[in-house]
Amino acid sequence: MKYVVAAVLLAVAAIVYPNFMAAHQRSAQKRTMADMRTLATALEARATDINNYLIGRPGHVSYDDLRRVLEPKYVKRLPREDGWGRPFIVITTEQEYWVRSNGADGRADRVRGATTDFDCDILYSNGTFVEYPEASCQE
């Protein structure tokens, strides 16, 4: 009888665990995308005031530099990390900006458009998602 109960519990766990992990990954994606929009909205509001996106020199922008120019005027609290606990990658030039999350695996990938892979990057640039989870809305 003990073995039957244990076997049933293992079978249920084998079904439930993958669904739980997929839901956790989707949650991380949604949080990441919302935080990327928040960061981008602050960059765009600042660019409206100063007529360009540049922060410092063209290229990668540190979190401290972002905070210095965006908080508290353009955003109350600047998001620092994606849903997987890794810092956002922000690049600015005078005419463009990019906000990137390297996804669940933390490695840079180059997939344009929609993807169903949690490991793929999420990239937001100039008001739109360039790389994004397939099931999400592109705004």
Foldseek 3Di string as FASTA:
>chain_A
DVVVVVVVVVVVCVVVVVVVVLVLLVVLQVQQVVLVVLLVQLLVVVCVVVVFNDQPAFFWDDPVSSCVRRPPPRPPDRDAAGSQRHGWTWGTDRHKIKTKQQFNVRDADDDFDEDQDRRHMWMDMDQWIGYGHPVDDID
